Amino acid sequence: MAGHRIFGVSFASVYPHYVNKAERKSRSKDDVDQVICWLTGYDADGLQRVLASQVSMETFFAEAPALNPNASLITGMICGHRVEDIEDPLMQKIRYLDKLVDELAKGKAMTAILRGGVEARRRT
């Protein structure tokens, strides 16, 4: 069975949509980068490399240094599904990121978005 078509979409083509969504709500590109780095373990340079290399969403997450151990604390609805109930691990990671960007755009405090851990500090 083939994966969902989003798996093959380049991360670089989705990234501007995350940034635009955040900026429309008075958040910044740096805020988006911070939540991406928190979730995936990429640093600023690593994030720029994957954006430049046009890797797929699947490769972006497969090559991520380390999914944040607090990612399982991300709960709630996204695209009509509860993120904590999504069975496909890759789709769940994609939806985790979608949920974080949604929370950012809704004006949630960064410490709450990053689940209040020590790693809530900027990872650059």
N, C-alpha and C. Protein backbone atom coordinates (compact mmCIF):
# COMPACT_ATOMS: atom_id res chain seq x y z
N MET A 1 0.84 -1.18 0.00
CA MET A 1 0.00 0.00 0.00
C MET A 1 0.89 1.25 0.00
N ALA A 2 0.64 2.15 -0.90
CA ALA A 2 1.42 3.38 -1.01
C ALA A 2 1.06 4.34 0.11
N GLY A 3 2.02 5.18 0.49
CA GLY A 3 1.79 6.17 1.53
C GLY A 3 0.94 7.32 1.01
N HIS A 4 0.55 8.17 1.91
CA HIS A 4 -0.22 9.35 1.57
C HIS A 4 0.61 10.27 0.67
N ARG A 5 -0.04 11.00 -0.20
CA ARG A 5 0.70 11.84 -1.14
C ARG A 5 1.51 12.94 -0.46
N ILE A 6 1.11 13.37 0.74
CA ILE A 6 1.88 14.40 1.45
C ILE A 6 3.29 13.92 1.77
N PHE A 7 3.48 12.60 1.89
CA PHE A 7 4.79 12.06 2.23
C PHE A 7 5.83 12.42 1.17
N GLY A 8 5.41 12.53 -0.08
CA GLY A 8 6.33 12.82 -1.18
C GLY A 8 6.49 14.29 -1.50
N VAL A 9 5.69 15.13 -0.88
CA VAL A 9 5.77 16.57 -1.11
C VAL A 9 7.05 17.11 -0.45
N SER A 10 7.72 18.03 -1.10
CA SER A 10 8.95 18.56 -0.51
C SER A 10 8.62 19.42 0.71
N PHE A 11 9.43 19.25 1.73
CA PHE A 11 9.25 20.05 2.94
C PHE A 11 9.38 21.53 2.61
N ALA A 12 10.30 21.87 1.71
CA ALA A 12 10.53 23.26 1.33
C ALA A 12 9.29 23.90 0.69
N SER A 13 8.43 23.09 0.07
CA SER A 13 7.22 23.66 -0.53
C SER A 13 6.11 23.88 0.51
N VAL A 14 6.18 23.19 1.62
CA VAL A 14 5.18 23.35 2.69
C VAL A 14 5.60 24.45 3.66
N TYR A 15 6.89 24.56 3.87
CA TYR A 15 7.45 25.51 4.84
C TYR A 15 6.92 26.94 4.67
N PRO A 16 6.87 27.50 3.46
CA PRO A 16 6.34 28.88 3.33
C PRO A 16 4.90 29.01 3.81
N HIS A 17 4.12 27.95 3.71
CA HIS A 17 2.74 27.99 4.19
C HIS A 17 2.71 28.08 5.71
N TYR A 18 3.61 27.36 6.36
CA TYR A 18 3.71 27.47 7.82
C TYR A 18 4.08 28.90 8.21
N VAL A 19 5.08 29.46 7.53
CA VAL A 19 5.54 30.82 7.84
C VAL A 19 4.43 31.83 7.57
N ASN A 20 3.76 31.73 6.42
CA ASN A 20 2.68 32.66 6.11
C ASN A 20 1.56 32.60 7.14
N LYS A 21 1.19 31.40 7.56
CA LYS A 21 0.13 31.24 8.55
C LYS A 21 0.53 31.95 9.85
N ALA A 22 1.76 31.76 10.27
CA ALA A 22 2.24 32.38 11.51
C ALA A 22 2.31 33.90 11.36
N GLU A 23 2.85 34.37 10.24
CA GLU A 23 3.01 35.82 10.04
C GLU A 23 1.68 36.54 9.94
N ARG A 24 0.65 35.88 9.40
CA ARG A 24 -0.69 36.49 9.35
C ARG A 24 -1.23 36.76 10.75
N LYS A 25 -0.71 36.02 11.71
CA LYS A 25 -1.17 36.15 13.10
C LYS A 25 -0.11 36.81 13.98
N SER A 26 0.74 37.63 13.37
CA SER A 26 1.75 38.42 14.07
C SER A 26 2.83 37.59 14.75
N ARG A 27 3.09 36.39 14.24
CA ARG A 27 4.22 35.61 14.71
C ARG A 27 5.28 35.68 13.61
N SER A 28 6.45 35.15 13.88
CA SER A 28 7.56 35.33 12.93
C SER A 28 8.05 34.00 12.36
N LYS A 29 8.85 34.14 11.31
CA LYS A 29 9.54 32.99 10.72
C LYS A 29 10.42 32.34 11.78
N ASP A 30 11.06 33.14 12.61
CA ASP A 30 11.90 32.60 13.67
C ASP A 30 11.09 31.75 14.64
N ASP A 31 9.85 32.15 14.91
CA ASP A 31 8.98 31.35 15.78
C ASP A 31 8.69 29.99 15.13
N VAL A 32 8.41 30.01 13.83
CA VAL A 32 8.15 28.76 13.10
C VAL A 32 9.40 27.88 13.14
N ASP A 33 10.55 28.47 12.89
CA ASP A 33 11.80 27.71 12.93
C ASP A 33 12.02 27.10 14.30
N GLN A 34 11.69 27.85 15.34
CA GLN A 34 11.88 27.35 16.70
C GLN A 34 11.02 26.12 16.97
N VAL A 35 9.75 26.14 16.55
CA VAL A 35 8.91 24.97 16.81
C VAL A 35 9.35 23.78 15.95
N ILE A 36 9.80 24.04 14.73
CA ILE A 36 10.30 22.95 13.88
C ILE A 36 11.54 22.32 14.52
N CYS A 37 12.46 23.15 14.97
CA CYS A 37 13.68 22.64 15.58
C CYS A 37 13.38 21.92 16.88
N TRP A 38 12.47 22.43 17.66
CA TRP A 38 12.08 21.76 18.91
C TRP A 38 11.54 20.36 18.63
N LEU A 39 10.66 20.26 17.64
CA LEU A 39 10.03 18.97 17.34
C LEU A 39 11.02 17.97 16.75
N THR A 40 11.86 18.42 15.85
CA THR A 40 12.66 17.50 15.04
C THR A 40 14.11 17.32 15.49
N GLY A 41 14.62 18.26 16.26
CA GLY A 41 16.03 18.19 16.65
C GLY A 41 16.97 18.85 15.66
N TYR A 42 16.46 19.33 14.53
CA TYR A 42 17.33 20.07 13.61
C TYR A 42 17.79 21.34 14.31
N ASP A 43 18.99 21.80 13.98
CA ASP A 43 19.42 23.12 14.40
C ASP A 43 19.15 24.07 13.22
N ALA A 44 19.45 25.35 13.40
CA ALA A 44 19.15 26.33 12.35
C ALA A 44 19.85 25.98 11.04
N ASP A 45 21.12 25.57 11.12
CA ASP A 45 21.86 25.22 9.90
C ASP A 45 21.26 23.98 9.24
N GLY A 46 20.92 22.99 10.04
CA GLY A 46 20.32 21.77 9.50
C GLY A 46 18.99 22.04 8.83
N LEU A 47 18.21 22.91 9.42
CA LEU A 47 16.92 23.28 8.83
C LEU A 47 17.14 23.96 7.48
N GLN A 48 18.10 24.86 7.41
CA GLN A 48 18.39 25.55 6.15
C GLN A 48 18.87 24.56 5.09
N ARG A 49 19.66 23.58 5.50
CA ARG A 49 20.14 22.56 4.55
C ARG A 49 18.98 21.76 3.97
N VAL A 50 18.04 21.32 4.80
CA VAL A 50 16.94 20.52 4.26
C VAL A 50 16.02 21.36 3.39
N LEU A 51 15.88 22.64 3.74
CA LEU A 51 15.08 23.52 2.87
C LEU A 51 15.74 23.67 1.51
N ALA A 52 17.04 23.83 1.50
CA ALA A 52 17.77 24.01 0.24
C ALA A 52 17.81 22.73 -0.59
N SER A 53 17.80 21.59 0.06
CA SER A 53 17.91 20.33 -0.68
C SER A 53 16.58 19.78 -1.18
N GLN A 54 15.48 20.45 -0.81
CA GLN A 54 14.16 20.07 -1.33
C GLN A 54 13.77 18.62 -0.99
N VAL A 55 14.14 18.14 0.19
CA VAL A 55 13.79 16.77 0.58
C VAL A 55 12.28 16.64 0.79
N SER A 56 11.80 15.43 0.63
CA SER A 56 10.37 15.16 0.84
C SER A 56 10.05 15.24 2.34
N MET A 57 8.77 15.32 2.64
CA MET A 57 8.34 15.29 4.04
C MET A 57 8.82 14.00 4.69
N GLU A 58 8.74 12.91 3.96
CA GLU A 58 9.18 11.62 4.50
C GLU A 58 10.66 11.66 4.86
N THR A 59 11.49 12.17 3.96
CA THR A 59 12.92 12.26 4.22
C THR A 59 13.22 13.26 5.31
N PHE A 60 12.50 14.38 5.33
CA PHE A 60 12.69 15.40 6.36
C PHE A 60 12.56 14.78 7.75
N PHE A 61 11.51 14.00 7.96
CA PHE A 61 11.33 13.39 9.27
C PHE A 61 12.24 12.19 9.48
N ALA A 62 12.52 11.42 8.43
CA ALA A 62 13.40 10.26 8.56
C ALA A 62 14.82 10.68 8.95
N GLU A 63 15.25 11.83 8.44
CA GLU A 63 16.61 12.30 8.70
C GLU A 63 16.69 13.27 9.87
N ALA A 64 15.56 13.54 10.50
CA ALA A 64 15.55 14.45 11.65
C ALA A 64 16.45 13.87 12.75
N PRO A 65 17.27 14.71 13.35
CA PRO A 65 18.19 14.21 14.38
C PRO A 65 17.50 13.43 15.50
N ALA A 66 16.40 13.95 16.02
CA ALA A 66 15.69 13.24 17.10
C ALA A 66 14.34 13.91 17.35
N LEU A 67 13.29 13.15 17.25
CA LEU A 67 11.97 13.68 17.59
C LEU A 67 11.98 14.02 19.08
N ASN A 68 11.49 15.19 19.42
CA ASN A 68 11.48 15.61 20.81
C ASN A 68 10.72 14.60 21.66
N PRO A 69 11.29 14.20 22.79
CA PRO A 69 10.61 13.22 23.64
C PRO A 69 9.27 13.71 24.17
N ASN A 70 9.06 15.01 24.18
CA ASN A 70 7.79 15.56 24.64
C ASN A 70 6.76 15.69 23.52
N ALA A 71 7.09 15.21 22.33
CA ALA A 71 6.14 15.29 21.21
C ALA A 71 4.84 14.56 21.54
N SER A 72 4.92 13.51 22.34
CA SER A 72 3.70 12.77 22.68
C SER A 72 2.74 13.60 23.53
N LEU A 73 3.21 14.74 24.04
CA LEU A 73 2.34 15.64 24.80
C LEU A 73 1.48 16.52 23.89
N ILE A 74 1.76 16.48 22.59
CA ILE A 74 0.98 17.24 21.62
C ILE A 74 -0.33 16.49 21.39
N THR A 75 -1.42 17.12 21.77
CA THR A 75 -2.72 16.48 21.64
C THR A 75 -3.71 17.47 21.02
N GLY A 76 -4.85 16.96 20.62
CA GLY A 76 -5.90 17.81 20.09
C GLY A 76 -6.25 17.46 18.66
N MET A 77 -7.12 18.26 18.10
CA MET A 77 -7.63 18.01 16.76
C MET A 77 -6.83 18.79 15.72
N ILE A 78 -6.57 18.11 14.61
CA ILE A 78 -5.97 18.75 13.43
C ILE A 78 -6.55 18.05 12.21
N CYS A 79 -7.07 18.80 11.29
CA CYS A 79 -7.66 18.24 10.07
C CYS A 79 -8.72 17.18 10.39
N GLY A 80 -9.47 17.40 11.46
CA GLY A 80 -10.55 16.50 11.81
C GLY A 80 -10.13 15.22 12.50
N HIS A 81 -8.87 15.12 12.88
CA HIS A 81 -8.37 13.91 13.54
C HIS A 81 -7.66 14.29 14.82
N ARG A 82 -7.75 13.45 15.82
CA ARG A 82 -6.99 13.65 17.05
C ARG A 82 -5.55 13.21 16.78
N VAL A 83 -4.60 14.11 16.97
CA VAL A 83 -3.20 13.78 16.66
C VAL A 83 -2.70 12.59 17.45
N GLU A 84 -3.14 12.47 18.66
CA GLU A 84 -2.66 11.36 19.49
C GLU A 84 -3.19 10.00 19.04
N ASP A 85 -4.22 9.99 18.19
CA ASP A 85 -4.82 8.74 17.71
C ASP A 85 -4.38 8.35 16.30
N ILE A 86 -3.56 9.16 15.66
CA ILE A 86 -3.10 8.85 14.30
C ILE A 86 -2.15 7.67 14.36
N GLU A 87 -2.45 6.62 13.61
CA GLU A 87 -1.68 5.38 13.69
C GLU A 87 -0.39 5.39 12.89
N ASP A 88 -0.39 6.01 11.71
CA ASP A 88 0.82 6.03 10.89
C ASP A 88 1.84 6.97 11.54
N PRO A 89 3.02 6.47 11.90
CA PRO A 89 4.01 7.31 12.60
C PRO A 89 4.44 8.55 11.83
N LEU A 90 4.61 8.42 10.51
CA LEU A 90 5.01 9.58 9.71
C LEU A 90 3.89 10.61 9.66
N MET A 91 2.67 10.17 9.42
CA MET A 91 1.54 11.10 9.39
C MET A 91 1.39 11.78 10.75
N GLN A 92 1.60 11.05 11.81
CA GLN A 92 1.49 11.65 13.14
C GLN A 92 2.53 12.75 13.33
N LYS A 93 3.75 12.53 12.87
CA LYS A 93 4.79 13.56 12.98
C LYS A 93 4.42 14.79 12.17
N ILE A 94 3.90 14.58 10.98
CA ILE A 94 3.48 15.71 10.14
C ILE A 94 2.37 16.48 10.83
N ARG A 95 1.42 15.77 11.40
CA ARG A 95 0.30 16.43 12.10
C ARG A 95 0.75 17.09 13.40
N TYR A 96 1.77 16.53 14.06
CA TYR A 96 2.34 17.21 15.22
C TYR A 96 2.83 18.59 14.80
N LEU A 97 3.55 18.65 13.70
CA LEU A 97 4.07 19.92 13.22
C LEU A 97 2.93 20.87 12.84
N ASP A 98 1.93 20.34 12.15
CA ASP A 98 0.76 21.16 11.81
C ASP A 98 0.13 21.75 13.07
N LYS A 99 -0.01 20.93 14.10
CA LYS A 99 -0.63 21.36 15.34
C LYS A 99 0.20 22.44 16.02
N LEU A 100 1.51 22.28 16.04
CA LEU A 100 2.37 23.29 16.65
C LEU A 100 2.24 24.63 15.93
N VAL A 101 2.21 24.60 14.60
CA VAL A 101 2.07 25.84 13.83
C VAL A 101 0.68 26.45 14.08
N ASP A 102 -0.35 25.62 14.19
CA ASP A 102 -1.68 26.13 14.51
C ASP A 102 -1.68 26.84 15.87
N GLU A 103 -1.06 26.21 16.85
CA GLU A 103 -0.99 26.81 18.18
C GLU A 103 -0.23 28.13 18.15
N LEU A 104 0.83 28.17 17.38
CA LEU A 104 1.61 29.39 17.20
C LEU A 104 0.73 30.49 16.61
N ALA A 105 0.00 30.15 15.57
CA ALA A 105 -0.87 31.12 14.90
C ALA A 105 -2.03 31.56 15.79
N LYS A 106 -2.42 30.74 16.73
CA LYS A 106 -3.51 31.11 17.63
C LYS A 106 -3.03 31.96 18.79
N GLY A 107 -1.73 32.25 18.83
CA GLY A 107 -1.21 33.15 19.84
C GLY A 107 -0.82 32.50 21.16
N LYS A 108 -0.74 31.19 21.18
CA LYS A 108 -0.32 30.51 22.41
C LYS A 108 1.09 30.92 22.77
N ALA A 109 1.39 30.92 24.05
CA ALA A 109 2.74 31.24 24.52
C ALA A 109 3.71 30.15 24.06
N MET A 110 4.92 30.57 23.72
CA MET A 110 5.90 29.62 23.21
C MET A 110 6.19 28.51 24.23
N THR A 111 6.24 28.83 25.52
CA THR A 111 6.51 27.79 26.51
C THR A 111 5.40 26.73 26.52
N ALA A 112 4.18 27.13 26.26
CA ALA A 112 3.07 26.17 26.19
C ALA A 112 3.16 25.34 24.91
N ILE A 113 3.49 25.99 23.80
CA ILE A 113 3.60 25.28 22.53
C ILE A 113 4.70 24.22 22.61
N LEU A 114 5.81 24.58 23.25
CA LEU A 114 6.94 23.67 23.36
C LEU A 114 6.82 22.79 24.60
N ARG A 115 5.65 22.71 25.12
CA ARG A 115 5.31 21.84 26.24
C ARG A 115 6.14 22.10 27.48
N GLY A 116 6.58 23.38 27.64
CA GLY A 116 7.17 23.88 28.86
C GLY A 116 8.46 23.26 29.35
N GLY A 117 9.08 22.43 28.55
CA GLY A 117 10.31 21.78 29.01
C GLY A 117 11.53 22.65 28.91
N VAL A 118 12.63 22.13 29.40
CA VAL A 118 13.91 22.84 29.33
C VAL A 118 14.25 23.16 27.89
N GLU A 119 13.85 22.28 26.99
CA GLU A 119 14.18 22.49 25.59
C GLU A 119 13.30 23.55 24.94
N ALA A 120 12.47 24.22 25.74
CA ALA A 120 11.66 25.30 25.19
C ALA A 120 12.53 26.49 24.80
N ARG A 121 13.79 26.51 25.27
CA ARG A 121 14.69 27.57 24.86
C ARG A 121 15.03 27.43 23.39
N ARG A 122 15.35 28.52 22.77
CA ARG A 122 15.66 28.56 21.34
C ARG A 122 16.81 27.62 20.99
N ARG A 123 16.62 26.81 19.95
CA ARG A 123 17.64 25.84 19.51
C ARG A 123 18.27 26.32 18.22
N THR A 124 19.18 27.27 18.32
CA THR A 124 19.88 27.73 17.12
C THR A 124 21.36 27.74 17.32
